[in-house]
Amino acid sequence: MCFEIEKLRRKIDSIDDQVRTLLEQRMAIIMDIAIIKEQDNLPILDSDREHEIISRITMGQNNGMAEFTESVFTAVLAASRSYQARKSDSEQ
């Protein structure tokens, strides 16, 4: 395979490792939020907050990139809700 492709793939691998680390950090904070929501009897889903996140994160991006970013963050937010729900379910 082309050396240039391998070089670029190593860069992608490095970025993927960083994304994984950031997701782990995000999920740790999500668990703190889940505890607070549970104590205050708040629902896991906060649609207003999710819309705020998507709007903030896609602001200023061109249409193609904004759509891609929205898709990725929609999946991240769904995984975050699922992670919070698992915490709630495991304590019952």
PDB file of N, CA and C in Angstrom:
ATOM      1  N   MET A   1       0.851  -1.190   0.000  1.00  0.00           N
ATOM      2  CA  MET A   1       0.000   0.000   0.000  1.00  0.00           C
ATOM      3  C   MET A   1       0.887   1.241   0.000  1.00  0.00           C
ATOM      4  N   CYS A   2       0.360   2.282  -0.488  1.00  0.00           N
ATOM      5  CA  CYS A   2       1.070   3.544  -0.630  1.00  0.00           C
ATOM      6  C   CYS A   2       1.541   4.058   0.733  1.00  0.00           C
ATOM      7  N   PHE A   3       2.791   4.478   0.802  1.00  0.00           N
ATOM      8  CA  PHE A   3       3.351   5.012   2.040  1.00  0.00           C
ATOM      9  C   PHE A   3       2.551   6.216   2.524  1.00  0.00           C
ATOM     10  N   GLU A   4       2.101   7.050   1.623  1.00  0.00           N
ATOM     11  CA  GLU A   4       1.355   8.256   2.002  1.00  0.00           C
ATOM     12  C   GLU A   4       0.052   7.894   2.711  1.00  0.00           C
ATOM     13  N   ILE A   5      -0.633   6.859   2.235  1.00  0.00           N
ATOM     14  CA  ILE A   5      -1.869   6.414   2.887  1.00  0.00           C
ATOM     15  C   ILE A   5      -1.566   5.914   4.296  1.00  0.00           C
ATOM     16  N   GLU A   6      -0.525   5.135   4.443  1.00  0.00           N
ATOM     17  CA  GLU A   6      -0.154   4.617   5.766  1.00  0.00           C
ATOM     18  C   GLU A   6       0.181   5.757   6.733  1.00  0.00           C
ATOM     19  N   LYS A   7       0.871   6.751   6.225  1.00  0.00           N
ATOM     20  CA  LYS A   7       1.221   7.918   7.039  1.00  0.00           C
ATOM     21  C   LYS A   7      -0.052   8.644   7.499  1.00  0.00           C
ATOM     22  N   LEU A   8      -0.985   8.824   6.594  1.00  0.00           N
ATOM     23  CA  LEU A   8      -2.246   9.485   6.935  1.00  0.00           C
ATOM     24  C   LEU A   8      -3.076   8.639   7.893  1.00  0.00           C
ATOM     25  N   ARG A   9      -3.049   7.334   7.717  1.00  0.00           N
ATOM     26  CA  ARG A   9      -3.783   6.450   8.631  1.00  0.00           C
ATOM     27  C   ARG A   9      -3.211   6.499  10.043  1.00  0.00           C
ATOM     28  N   ARG A  10      -1.908   6.626  10.172  1.00  0.00           N
ATOM     29  CA  ARG A  10      -1.304   6.777  11.503  1.00  0.00           C
ATOM     30  C   ARG A  10      -1.780   8.066  12.162  1.00  0.00           C
ATOM     31  N   LYS A  11      -1.931   9.123  11.371  1.00  0.00           N
ATOM     32  CA  LYS A  11      -2.478  10.375  11.906  1.00  0.00           C
ATOM     33  C   LYS A  11      -3.914  10.172  12.368  1.00  0.00           C
ATOM     34  N   ILE A  12      -4.700   9.462  11.571  1.00  0.00           N
ATOM     35  CA  ILE A  12      -6.081   9.175  11.958  1.00  0.00           C
ATOM     36  C   ILE A  12      -6.113   8.349  13.238  1.00  0.00           C
ATOM     37  N   ASP A  13      -5.240   7.350  13.348  1.00  0.00           N
ATOM     38  CA  ASP A  13      -5.184   6.533  14.561  1.00  0.00           C
ATOM     39  C   ASP A  13      -4.899   7.398  15.790  1.00  0.00           C
ATOM     40  N   SER A  14      -4.009   8.343  15.645  1.00  0.00           N
ATOM     41  CA  SER A  14      -3.687   9.242  16.752  1.00  0.00           C
ATOM     42  C   SER A  14      -4.894  10.094  17.140  1.00  0.00           C
ATOM     43  N   ILE A  15      -5.581  10.605  16.148  1.00  0.00           N
ATOM     44  CA  ILE A  15      -6.786  11.405  16.403  1.00  0.00           C
ATOM     45  C   ILE A  15      -7.851  10.531  17.063  1.00  0.00           C
ATOM     46  N   ASP A  16      -8.024   9.304  16.570  1.00  0.00           N
ATOM     47  CA  ASP A  16      -9.003   8.389  17.165  1.00  0.00           C
ATOM     48  C   ASP A  16      -8.695   8.141  18.642  1.00  0.00           C
ATOM     49  N   ASP A  17      -7.423   7.992  18.965  1.00  0.00           N
ATOM     50  CA  ASP A  17      -7.030   7.800  20.369  1.00  0.00           C
ATOM     51  C   ASP A  17      -7.411   9.015  21.206  1.00  0.00           C
ATOM     52  N   GLN A  18      -7.216  10.201  20.655  1.00  0.00           N
ATOM     53  CA  GLN A  18      -7.590  11.424  21.369  1.00  0.00           C
ATOM     54  C   GLN A  18      -9.105  11.518  21.550  1.00  0.00           C
ATOM     55  N   VAL A  19      -9.847  11.169  20.514  1.00  0.00           N
ATOM     56  CA  VAL A  19     -11.314  11.194  20.591  1.00  0.00           C
ATOM     57  C   VAL A  19     -11.775  10.220  21.675  1.00  0.00           C
ATOM     58  N   ARG A  20     -11.195   9.024  21.702  1.00  0.00           N
ATOM     59  CA  ARG A  20     -11.558   8.038  22.722  1.00  0.00           C
ATOM     60  C   ARG A  20     -11.324   8.593  24.123  1.00  0.00           C
ATOM     61  N   THR A  21     -10.169   9.198  24.349  1.00  0.00           N
ATOM     62  CA  THR A  21      -9.859   9.777  25.650  1.00  0.00           C
ATOM     63  C   THR A  21     -10.854  10.872  26.017  1.00  0.00           C
ATOM     64  N   LEU A  22     -11.190  11.727  25.074  1.00  0.00           N
ATOM     65  CA  LEU A  22     -12.158  12.793  25.328  1.00  0.00           C
ATOM     66  C   LEU A  22     -13.548  12.236  25.608  1.00  0.00           C
ATOM     67  N   LEU A  23     -13.930  11.172  24.906  1.00  0.00           N
ATOM     68  CA  LEU A  23     -15.224  10.546  25.167  1.00  0.00           C
ATOM     69  C   LEU A  23     -15.262   9.937  26.564  1.00  0.00           C
ATOM     70  N   GLU A  24     -14.163   9.339  26.987  1.00  0.00           N
ATOM     71  CA  GLU A  24     -14.090   8.790  28.342  1.00  0.00           C
ATOM     72  C   GLU A  24     -14.246   9.903  29.380  1.00  0.00           C
ATOM     73  N   GLN A  25     -13.600  11.028  29.143  1.00  0.00           N
ATOM     74  CA  GLN A  25     -13.724  12.173  30.046  1.00  0.00           C
ATOM     75  C   GLN A  25     -15.158  12.685  30.055  1.00  0.00           C
ATOM     76  N   ARG A  26     -15.771  12.766  28.877  1.00  0.00           N
ATOM     77  CA  ARG A  26     -17.154  13.246  28.763  1.00  0.00           C
ATOM     78  C   ARG A  26     -18.097  12.322  29.533  1.00  0.00           C
ATOM     79  N   MET A  27     -17.916  11.016  29.378  1.00  0.00           N
ATOM     80  CA  MET A  27     -18.800  10.065  30.042  1.00  0.00           C
ATOM     81  C   MET A  27     -18.618  10.094  31.563  1.00  0.00           C
ATOM     82  N   ALA A  28     -17.428  10.363  32.037  1.00  0.00           N
ATOM     83  CA  ALA A  28     -17.218  10.490  33.488  1.00  0.00           C
ATOM     84  C   ALA A  28     -18.038  11.665  34.024  1.00  0.00           C
ATOM     85  N   ILE A  29     -18.048  12.766  33.297  1.00  0.00           N
ATOM     86  CA  ILE A  29     -18.841  13.928  33.706  1.00  0.00           C
ATOM     87  C   ILE A  29     -20.327  13.616  33.578  1.00  0.00           C
ATOM     88  N   ILE A  30     -20.697  12.884  32.531  1.00  0.00           N
ATOM     89  CA  ILE A  30     -22.088  12.470  32.341  1.00  0.00           C
ATOM     90  C   ILE A  30     -22.575  11.696  33.568  1.00  0.00           C
ATOM     91  N   MET A  31     -21.727  10.855  34.116  1.00  0.00           N
ATOM     92  CA  MET A  31     -22.128  10.093  35.301  1.00  0.00           C
ATOM     93  C   MET A  31     -22.363  11.015  36.495  1.00  0.00           C
ATOM     94  N   ASP A  32     -21.563  12.054  36.638  1.00  0.00           N
ATOM     95  CA  ASP A  32     -21.793  13.040  37.704  1.00  0.00           C
ATOM     96  C   ASP A  32     -23.148  13.726  37.506  1.00  0.00           C
ATOM     97  N   ILE A  33     -23.444  14.057  36.264  1.00  0.00           N
ATOM     98  CA  ILE A  33     -24.728  14.691  35.950  1.00  0.00           C
ATOM     99  C   ILE A  33     -25.870  13.717  36.228  1.00  0.00           C
ATOM    100  N   ALA A  34     -25.687  12.438  35.895  1.00  0.00           N
ATOM    101  CA  ALA A  34     -26.727  11.433  36.139  1.00  0.00           C
ATOM    102  C   ALA A  34     -27.065  11.340  37.621  1.00  0.00           C
ATOM    103  N   ILE A  35     -26.060  11.431  38.468  1.00  0.00           N
ATOM    104  CA  ILE A  35     -26.285  11.382  39.920  1.00  0.00           C
ATOM    105  C   ILE A  35     -27.129  12.568  40.358  1.00  0.00           C
ATOM    106  N   ILE A  36     -26.794  13.743  39.875  1.00  0.00           N
ATOM    107  CA  ILE A  36     -27.542  14.950  40.237  1.00  0.00           C
ATOM    108  C   ILE A  36     -28.978  14.858  39.720  1.00  0.00           C
ATOM    109  N   LYS A  37     -29.142  14.422  38.474  1.00  0.00           N
ATOM    110  CA  LYS A  37     -30.481  14.298  37.906  1.00  0.00           C
ATOM    111  C   LYS A  37     -31.317  13.304  38.713  1.00  0.00           C
ATOM    112  N   GLU A  38     -30.694  12.208  39.105  1.00  0.00           N
ATOM    113  CA  GLU A  38     -31.415  11.205  39.883  1.00  0.00           C
ATOM    114  C   GLU A  38     -31.835  11.764  41.247  1.00  0.00           C
ATOM    115  N   GLN A  39     -30.929  12.480  41.910  1.00  0.00           N
ATOM    116  CA  GLN A  39     -31.238  13.075  43.213  1.00  0.00           C
ATOM    117  C   GLN A  39     -32.360  14.098  43.110  1.00  0.00           C
ATOM    118  N   ASP A  40     -32.389  14.844  42.010  1.00  0.00           N
ATOM    119  CA  ASP A  40     -33.384  15.907  41.821  1.00  0.00           C
ATOM    120  C   ASP A  40     -34.602  15.442  41.023  1.00  0.00           C
ATOM    121  N   ASN A  41     -34.687  14.130  40.762  1.00  0.00           N
ATOM    122  CA  ASN A  41     -35.794  13.573  39.984  1.00  0.00           C
ATOM    123  C   ASN A  41     -35.963  14.261  38.636  1.00  0.00           C
ATOM    124  N   LEU A  42     -34.871  14.505  37.966  1.00  0.00           N
ATOM    125  CA  LEU A  42     -34.897  15.125  36.641  1.00  0.00           C
ATOM    126  C   LEU A  42     -34.808  14.035  35.574  1.00  0.00           C
ATOM    127  N   PRO A  43     -35.435  14.243  34.434  1.00  0.00           N
ATOM    128  CA  PRO A  43     -35.343  13.236  33.372  1.00  0.00           C
ATOM    129  C   PRO A  43     -33.949  13.220  32.760  1.00  0.00           C
ATOM    130  N   ILE A  44     -33.592  12.082  32.207  1.00  0.00           N
ATOM    131  CA  ILE A  44     -32.297  11.964  31.541  1.00  0.00           C
ATOM    132  C   ILE A  44     -32.258  12.859  30.310  1.00  0.00           C
ATOM    133  N   LEU A  45     -33.318  12.847  29.527  1.00  0.00           N
ATOM    134  CA  LEU A  45     -33.358  13.644  28.297  1.00  0.00           C
ATOM    135  C   LEU A  45     -33.680  15.098  28.606  1.00  0.00           C
ATOM    136  N   ASP A  46     -32.807  15.979  28.152  1.00  0.00           N
ATOM    137  CA  ASP A  46     -33.026  17.422  28.221  1.00  0.00           C
ATOM    138  C   ASP A  46     -32.915  17.942  26.783  1.00  0.00           C
ATOM    139  N   SER A  47     -34.041  17.928  26.081  1.00  0.00           N
ATOM    140  CA  SER A  47     -34.050  18.287  24.658  1.00  0.00           C
ATOM    141  C   SER A  47     -33.508  19.685  24.405  1.00  0.00           C
ATOM    142  N   ASP A  48     -33.856  20.626  25.278  1.00  0.00           N
ATOM    143  CA  ASP A  48     -33.361  21.995  25.095  1.00  0.00           C
ATOM    144  C   ASP A  48     -31.840  22.027  25.147  1.00  0.00           C
ATOM    145  N   ARG A  49     -31.256  21.314  26.101  1.00  0.00           N
ATOM    146  CA  ARG A  49     -29.800  21.278  26.230  1.00  0.00           C
ATOM    147  C   ARG A  49     -29.172  20.614  25.004  1.00  0.00           C
ATOM    148  N   GLU A  50     -29.783  19.550  24.528  1.00  0.00           N
ATOM    149  CA  GLU A  50     -29.231  18.877  23.350  1.00  0.00           C
ATOM    150  C   GLU A  50     -29.275  19.774  22.117  1.00  0.00           C
ATOM    151  N   HIS A  51     -30.378  20.501  21.936  1.00  0.00           N
ATOM    152  CA  HIS A  51     -30.463  21.444  20.812  1.00  0.00           C
ATOM    153  C   HIS A  51     -29.409  22.544  20.957  1.00  0.00           C
ATOM    154  N   GLU A  52     -29.212  22.998  22.183  1.00  0.00           N
ATOM    155  CA  GLU A  52     -28.194  24.023  22.453  1.00  0.00           C
ATOM    156  C   GLU A  52     -26.806  23.513  22.079  1.00  0.00           C
ATOM    157  N   ILE A  53     -26.502  22.278  22.437  1.00  0.00           N
ATOM    158  CA  ILE A  53     -25.193  21.694  22.122  1.00  0.00           C
ATOM    159  C   ILE A  53     -25.008  21.601  20.614  1.00  0.00           C
ATOM    160  N   ILE A  54     -26.002  21.061  19.917  1.00  0.00           N
ATOM    161  CA  ILE A  54     -25.896  20.908  18.461  1.00  0.00           C
ATOM    162  C   ILE A  54     -25.730  22.269  17.790  1.00  0.00           C
ATOM    163  N   SER A  55     -26.505  23.251  18.213  1.00  0.00           N
ATOM    164  CA  SER A  55     -26.397  24.594  17.622  1.00  0.00           C
ATOM    165  C   SER A  55     -25.020  25.194  17.863  1.00  0.00           C
ATOM    166  N   ARG A  56     -24.522  25.058  19.095  1.00  0.00           N
ATOM    167  CA  ARG A  56     -23.216  25.637  19.438  1.00  0.00           C
ATOM    168  C   ARG A  56     -22.093  24.962  18.663  1.00  0.00           C
ATOM    169  N   ILE A  57     -22.160  23.642  18.586  1.00  0.00           N
ATOM    170  CA  ILE A  57     -21.051  22.898  17.996  1.00  0.00           C
ATOM    171  C   ILE A  57     -21.013  23.024  16.471  1.00  0.00           C
ATOM    172  N   THR A  58     -22.168  23.301  15.845  1.00  0.00           N
ATOM    173  CA  THR A  58     -22.202  23.422  14.382  1.00  0.00           C
ATOM    174  C   THR A  58     -22.140  24.871  13.899  1.00  0.00           C
ATOM    175  N   MET A  59     -22.188  25.806  14.829  1.00  0.00           N
ATOM    176  CA  MET A  59     -22.185  27.220  14.448  1.00  0.00           C
ATOM    177  C   MET A  59     -20.952  27.566  13.622  1.00  0.00           C
ATOM    178  N   GLY A  60     -21.188  28.196  12.495  1.00  0.00           N
ATOM    179  CA  GLY A  60     -20.088  28.665  11.655  1.00  0.00           C
ATOM    180  C   GLY A  60     -19.525  27.620  10.715  1.00  0.00           C
ATOM    181  N   GLN A  61     -19.997  26.395  10.789  1.00  0.00           N
ATOM    182  CA  GLN A  61     -19.503  25.372   9.874  1.00  0.00           C
ATOM    183  C   GLN A  61     -20.271  25.446   8.561  1.00  0.00           C
ATOM    184  N   ASN A  62     -19.597  25.060   7.482  1.00  0.00           N
ATOM    185  CA  ASN A  62     -20.320  25.017   6.218  1.00  0.00           C
ATOM    186  C   ASN A  62     -21.345  23.892   6.273  1.00  0.00           C
ATOM    187  N   ASN A  63     -22.312  23.922   5.379  1.00  0.00           N
ATOM    188  CA  ASN A  63     -23.436  22.990   5.431  1.00  0.00           C
ATOM    189  C   ASN A  63     -23.008  21.528   5.483  1.00  0.00           C
ATOM    190  N   GLY A  64     -22.108  21.123   4.621  1.00  0.00           N
ATOM    191  CA  GLY A  64     -21.676  19.728   4.609  1.00  0.00           C
ATOM    192  C   GLY A  64     -21.044  19.313   5.917  1.00  0.00           C
ATOM    193  N   MET A  65     -20.194  20.142   6.447  1.00  0.00           N
ATOM    194  CA  MET A  65     -19.530  19.819   7.708  1.00  0.00           C
ATOM    195  C   MET A  65     -20.504  19.916   8.872  1.00  0.00           C
ATOM    196  N   ALA A  66     -21.404  20.883   8.857  1.00  0.00           N
ATOM    197  CA  ALA A  66     -22.398  21.037   9.928  1.00  0.00           C
ATOM    198  C   ALA A  66     -23.291  19.799  10.005  1.00  0.00           C
ATOM    199  N   GLU A  67     -23.698  19.287   8.855  1.00  0.00           N
ATOM    200  CA  GLU A  67     -24.535  18.083   8.835  1.00  0.00           C
ATOM    201  C   GLU A  67     -23.779  16.890   9.400  1.00  0.00           C
ATOM    202  N   PHE A  68     -22.511  16.769   9.034  1.00  0.00           N
ATOM    203  CA  PHE A  68     -21.681  15.681   9.546  1.00  0.00           C
ATOM    204  C   PHE A  68     -21.506  15.813  11.063  1.00  0.00           C
ATOM    205  N   THR A  69     -21.177  17.006  11.513  1.00  0.00           N
ATOM    206  CA  THR A  69     -20.975  17.239  12.944  1.00  0.00           C
ATOM    207  C   THR A  69     -22.247  16.968  13.723  1.00  0.00           C
ATOM    208  N   GLU A  70     -23.374  17.414  13.197  1.00  0.00           N
ATOM    209  CA  GLU A  70     -24.656  17.162  13.860  1.00  0.00           C
ATOM    210  C   GLU A  70     -24.918  15.663  13.977  1.00  0.00           C
ATOM    211  N   SER A  71     -24.628  14.936  12.935  1.00  0.00           N
ATOM    212  CA  SER A  71     -24.827  13.494  12.941  1.00  0.00           C
ATOM    213  C   SER A  71     -23.961  12.818  14.016  1.00  0.00           C
ATOM    214  N   VAL A  72     -22.703  13.211  14.073  1.00  0.00           N
ATOM    215  CA  VAL A  72     -21.783  12.634  15.061  1.00  0.00           C
ATOM    216  C   VAL A  72     -22.231  12.989  16.478  1.00  0.00           C
ATOM    217  N   PHE A  73     -22.566  14.245  16.709  1.00  0.00           N
ATOM    218  CA  PHE A  73     -22.947  14.658  18.062  1.00  0.00           C
ATOM    219  C   PHE A  73     -24.317  14.119  18.460  1.00  0.00           C
ATOM    220  N   THR A  74     -25.200  13.896  17.504  1.00  0.00           N
ATOM    221  CA  THR A  74     -26.464  13.250  17.818  1.00  0.00           C
ATOM    222  C   THR A  74     -26.198  11.843  18.361  1.00  0.00           C
ATOM    223  N   ALA A  75     -25.256  11.144  17.752  1.00  0.00           N
ATOM    224  CA  ALA A  75     -24.885   9.809  18.239  1.00  0.00           C
ATOM    225  C   ALA A  75     -24.219   9.885  19.616  1.00  0.00           C
ATOM    226  N   VAL A  76     -23.366  10.876  19.821  1.00  0.00           N
ATOM    227  CA  VAL A  76     -22.704  11.049  21.124  1.00  0.00           C
ATOM    228  C   VAL A  76     -23.748  11.334  22.205  1.00  0.00           C
ATOM    229  N   LEU A  77     -24.701  12.194  21.907  1.00  0.00           N
ATOM    230  CA  LEU A  77     -25.738  12.529  22.885  1.00  0.00           C
ATOM    231  C   LEU A  77     -26.616  11.317  23.185  1.00  0.00           C
ATOM    232  N   ALA A  78     -26.943  10.528  22.173  1.00  0.00           N
ATOM    233  CA  ALA A  78     -27.726   9.309  22.393  1.00  0.00           C
ATOM    234  C   ALA A  78     -26.950   8.332  23.270  1.00  0.00           C
ATOM    235  N   ALA A  79     -25.658   8.196  23.014  1.00  0.00           N
ATOM    236  CA  ALA A  79     -24.828   7.313  23.837  1.00  0.00           C
ATOM    237  C   ALA A  79     -24.737   7.835  25.267  1.00  0.00           C
ATOM    238  N   SER A  80     -24.688   9.145  25.425  1.00  0.00           N
ATOM    239  CA  SER A  80     -24.639   9.745  26.756  1.00  0.00           C
ATOM    240  C   SER A  80     -25.916   9.449  27.535  1.00  0.00           C
ATOM    241  N   ARG A  81     -27.068   9.563  26.869  1.00  0.00           N
ATOM    242  CA  ARG A  81     -28.343   9.236  27.520  1.00  0.00           C
ATOM    243  C   ARG A  81     -28.382   7.769  27.915  1.00  0.00           C
ATOM    244  N   SER A  82     -27.923   6.920  27.038  1.00  0.00           N
ATOM    245  CA  SER A  82     -27.903   5.489  27.305  1.00  0.00           C
ATOM    246  C   SER A  82     -26.990   5.174  28.495  1.00  0.00           C
ATOM    247  N   TYR A  83     -25.863   5.835  28.539  1.00  0.00           N
ATOM    248  CA  TYR A  83     -24.901   5.646  29.637  1.00  0.00           C
ATOM    249  C   TYR A  83     -25.513   6.090  30.957  1.00  0.00           C
ATOM    250  N   GLN A  84     -26.217   7.221  30.945  1.00  0.00           N
ATOM    251  CA  GLN A  84     -26.897   7.689  32.156  1.00  0.00           C
ATOM    252  C   GLN A  84     -27.982   6.708  32.583  1.00  0.00           C
ATOM    253  N   ALA A  85     -28.727   6.198  31.620  1.00  0.00           N
ATOM    254  CA  ALA A  85     -29.804   5.252  31.924  1.00  0.00           C
ATOM    255  C   ALA A  85     -29.251   3.975  32.531  1.00  0.00           C
ATOM    256  N   ARG A  86     -28.129   3.533  32.039  1.00  0.00           N
ATOM    257  CA  ARG A  86     -27.496   2.331  32.610  1.00  0.00           C
ATOM    258  C   ARG A  86     -27.156   2.544  34.064  1.00  0.00           C
ATOM    259  N   LYS A  87     -26.684   3.739  34.402  1.00  0.00           N
ATOM    260  CA  LYS A  87     -26.342   4.053  35.781  1.00  0.00           C
ATOM    261  C   LYS A  87     -27.584   3.994  36.644  1.00  0.00           C
ATOM    262  N   SER A  88     -28.657   4.587  36.178  1.00  0.00           N
ATOM    263  CA  SER A  88     -29.909   4.584  36.916  1.00  0.00           C
ATOM    264  C   SER A  88     -30.446   3.163  37.074  1.00  0.00           C
ATOM    265  N   ASP A  89     -30.379   2.377  35.993  1.00  0.00           N
ATOM    266  CA  ASP A  89     -30.887   1.004  36.018  1.00  0.00           C
ATOM    267  C   ASP A  89     -30.066   0.109  36.944  1.00  0.00           C
ATOM    268  N   SER A  90     -28.760   0.340  36.997  1.00  0.00           N
ATOM    269  CA  SER A  90     -27.891  -0.537  37.802  1.00  0.00           C
ATOM    270  C   SER A  90     -28.087  -0.311  39.293  1.00  0.00           C
ATOM    271  N   GLU A  91     -28.651   0.817  39.674  1.00  0.00           N
ATOM    272  CA  GLU A  91     -28.847   1.113  41.087  1.00  0.00           C
ATOM    273  C   GLU A  91     -30.201   0.651  41.605  1.00  0.00           C
ATOM    274  N   GLN A  92     -31.054   0.168  40.700  1.00  0.00           N
ATOM    275  CA  GLN A  92     -32.392  -0.252  41.136  1.00  0.00           C
ATOM    276  C   GLN A  92     -32.428  -1.728  41.392  1.00  0.00           C
TER     277      GLN A  92
END
